[in-house]
Amino acid sequence: MQRSAPVQVYAAHNEIRERDETMKTATETKSSTMAWAVLSKAVNGRSEVIKVTNCDEADKAVQENPGMFYKAGPFLIA
């Protein structure tokens, strides 16, 4: 019997996604919120979280400083 394996897709950290109404409607549920982290690109290989925010603010921060920041997410804040 052949088993299927999960597939993960990664995008470039500084890639700015196009605005998607589906994502905006999915960012908040009744008891939790979707969030994104803005992280610094560190020289020593360790990134630091600069802030946790919504997708629009994370996109803006990366657009303004693509060589300095990248974003990660979405993740759920309960």
C-alpha atoms as a PDB file:
ATOM      1  CA  MET A   1       0.000   0.000   0.000  1.00  0.00           C
ATOM      2  CA  GLN A   2       1.368   3.389  -0.978  1.00  0.00           C
ATOM      3  CA  ARG A   3       1.066   6.249   1.496  1.00  0.00           C
ATOM      4  CA  SER A   4       0.805   9.864   0.499  1.00  0.00           C
ATOM      5  CA  ALA A   5       3.195  12.306   2.120  1.00  0.00           C
ATOM      6  CA  PRO A   6       2.284  15.865   3.105  1.00  0.00           C
ATOM      7  CA  VAL A   7       3.720  18.548   0.879  1.00  0.00           C
ATOM      8  CA  GLN A   8       5.073  21.840   2.144  1.00  0.00           C
ATOM      9  CA  VAL A   9       5.470  24.836  -0.128  1.00  0.00           C
ATOM     10  CA  TYR A  10       7.835  27.633   0.775  1.00  0.00           C
ATOM     11  CA  ALA A  11       7.911  31.116  -0.734  1.00  0.00           C
ATOM     12  CA  ALA A  12      10.785  33.546  -0.555  1.00  0.00           C
ATOM     13  CA  HIS A  13      10.734  35.398   2.756  1.00  0.00           C
ATOM     14  CA  ASN A  14      10.649  38.780   1.112  1.00  0.00           C
ATOM     15  CA  GLU A  15       8.032  37.829  -1.449  1.00  0.00           C
ATOM     16  CA  ILE A  16       5.007  40.055  -1.027  1.00  0.00           C
ATOM     17  CA  ARG A  17       1.805  38.208  -1.702  1.00  0.00           C
ATOM     18  CA  GLU A  18      -0.937  39.816  -3.690  1.00  0.00           C
ATOM     19  CA  ARG A  19      -3.918  41.023  -1.717  1.00  0.00           C
ATOM     20  CA  ASP A  20      -6.427  38.251  -1.375  1.00  0.00           C
ATOM     21  CA  GLU A  21      -9.896  38.784   0.034  1.00  0.00           C
ATOM     22  CA  THR A  22      -9.961  35.162   1.205  1.00  0.00           C
ATOM     23  CA  MET A  23      -6.954  35.774   3.454  1.00  0.00           C
ATOM     24  CA  LYS A  24      -8.483  38.921   4.895  1.00  0.00           C
ATOM     25  CA  THR A  25     -11.721  37.160   5.782  1.00  0.00           C
ATOM     26  CA  ALA A  26      -9.807  34.240   7.285  1.00  0.00           C
ATOM     27  CA  THR A  27      -7.594  36.369   9.533  1.00  0.00           C
ATOM     28  CA  GLU A  28     -10.072  36.564  12.391  1.00  0.00           C
ATOM     29  CA  THR A  29     -12.285  33.919  13.862  1.00  0.00           C
ATOM     30  CA  LYS A  30     -14.558  34.128  16.877  1.00  0.00           C
ATOM     31  CA  SER A  31     -11.932  33.209  19.463  1.00  0.00           C
ATOM     32  CA  SER A  32      -8.620  33.563  17.659  1.00  0.00           C
ATOM     33  CA  THR A  33      -6.684  35.734  15.229  1.00  0.00           C
ATOM     34  CA  MET A  34      -4.241  35.005  12.425  1.00  0.00           C
ATOM     35  CA  ALA A  35      -0.970  36.910  12.733  1.00  0.00           C
ATOM     36  CA  TRP A  36       2.353  37.354  10.952  1.00  0.00           C
ATOM     37  CA  ALA A  37       5.785  38.016  12.417  1.00  0.00           C
ATOM     38  CA  VAL A  38       8.293  40.489  11.031  1.00  0.00           C
ATOM     39  CA  LEU A  39      11.804  39.169  11.649  1.00  0.00           C
ATOM     40  CA  SER A  40      15.256  40.653  11.158  1.00  0.00           C
ATOM     41  CA  LYS A  41      17.765  39.042   8.818  1.00  0.00           C
ATOM     42  CA  ALA A  42      20.666  38.412  11.168  1.00  0.00           C
ATOM     43  CA  VAL A  43      24.300  38.118  10.152  1.00  0.00           C
ATOM     44  CA  ASN A  44      25.017  35.363  12.679  1.00  0.00           C
ATOM     45  CA  GLY A  45      22.218  33.143  11.342  1.00  0.00           C
ATOM     46  CA  ARG A  46      19.778  33.912  14.145  1.00  0.00           C
ATOM     47  CA  SER A  47      16.780  36.065  13.367  1.00  0.00           C
ATOM     48  CA  GLU A  48      14.934  38.148  15.916  1.00  0.00           C
ATOM     49  CA  VAL A  49      11.214  38.862  15.997  1.00  0.00           C
ATOM     50  CA  ILE A  50      10.713  42.582  15.454  1.00  0.00           C
ATOM     51  CA  LYS A  51       6.930  42.576  15.810  1.00  0.00           C
ATOM     52  CA  VAL A  52       3.818  40.434  15.501  1.00  0.00           C
ATOM     53  CA  THR A  53       1.168  42.070  13.354  1.00  0.00           C
ATOM     54  CA  ASN A  54      -1.415  41.597  10.611  1.00  0.00           C
ATOM     55  CA  CYS A  55      -0.580  40.626   7.028  1.00  0.00           C
ATOM     56  CA  ASP A  56      -0.783  44.171   5.641  1.00  0.00           C
ATOM     57  CA  GLU A  57       1.628  45.680   8.171  1.00  0.00           C
ATOM     58  CA  ALA A  58       4.036  42.759   7.746  1.00  0.00           C
ATOM     59  CA  ASP A  59       3.988  43.238   3.953  1.00  0.00           C
ATOM     60  CA  LYS A  60       4.633  46.966   4.353  1.00  0.00           C
ATOM     61  CA  ALA A  61       7.589  46.442   6.709  1.00  0.00           C
ATOM     62  CA  VAL A  62       9.219  43.980   4.296  1.00  0.00           C
ATOM     63  CA  GLN A  63       8.551  46.219   1.284  1.00  0.00           C
ATOM     64  CA  GLU A  64      10.215  49.168   3.018  1.00  0.00           C
ATOM     65  CA  ASN A  65      13.311  47.165   4.074  1.00  0.00           C
ATOM     66  CA  PRO A  66      13.585  43.924   2.046  1.00  0.00           C
ATOM     67  CA  GLY A  67      17.288  43.532   2.817  1.00  0.00           C
ATOM     68  CA  MET A  68      16.706  43.897   6.533  1.00  0.00           C
ATOM     69  CA  PHE A  69      13.378  42.146   7.293  1.00  0.00           C
ATOM     70  CA  TYR A  70      11.337  39.140   6.260  1.00  0.00           C
ATOM     71  CA  LYS A  71       7.954  37.861   7.368  1.00  0.00           C
ATOM     72  CA  ALA A  72       6.740  34.541   8.661  1.00  0.00           C
ATOM     73  CA  GLY A  73       3.191  33.322   8.988  1.00  0.00           C
ATOM     74  CA  PRO A  74       0.365  33.106   9.181  1.00  0.00           C
ATOM     75  CA  PHE A  75       0.025  31.556  12.596  1.00  0.00           C
ATOM     76  CA  LEU A  76      -2.877  31.422  14.996  1.00  0.00           C
ATOM     77  CA  ILE A  77      -3.061  33.506  18.164  1.00  0.00           C
ATOM     78  CA  ALA A  78      -5.733  32.095  20.430  1.00  0.00           C
END
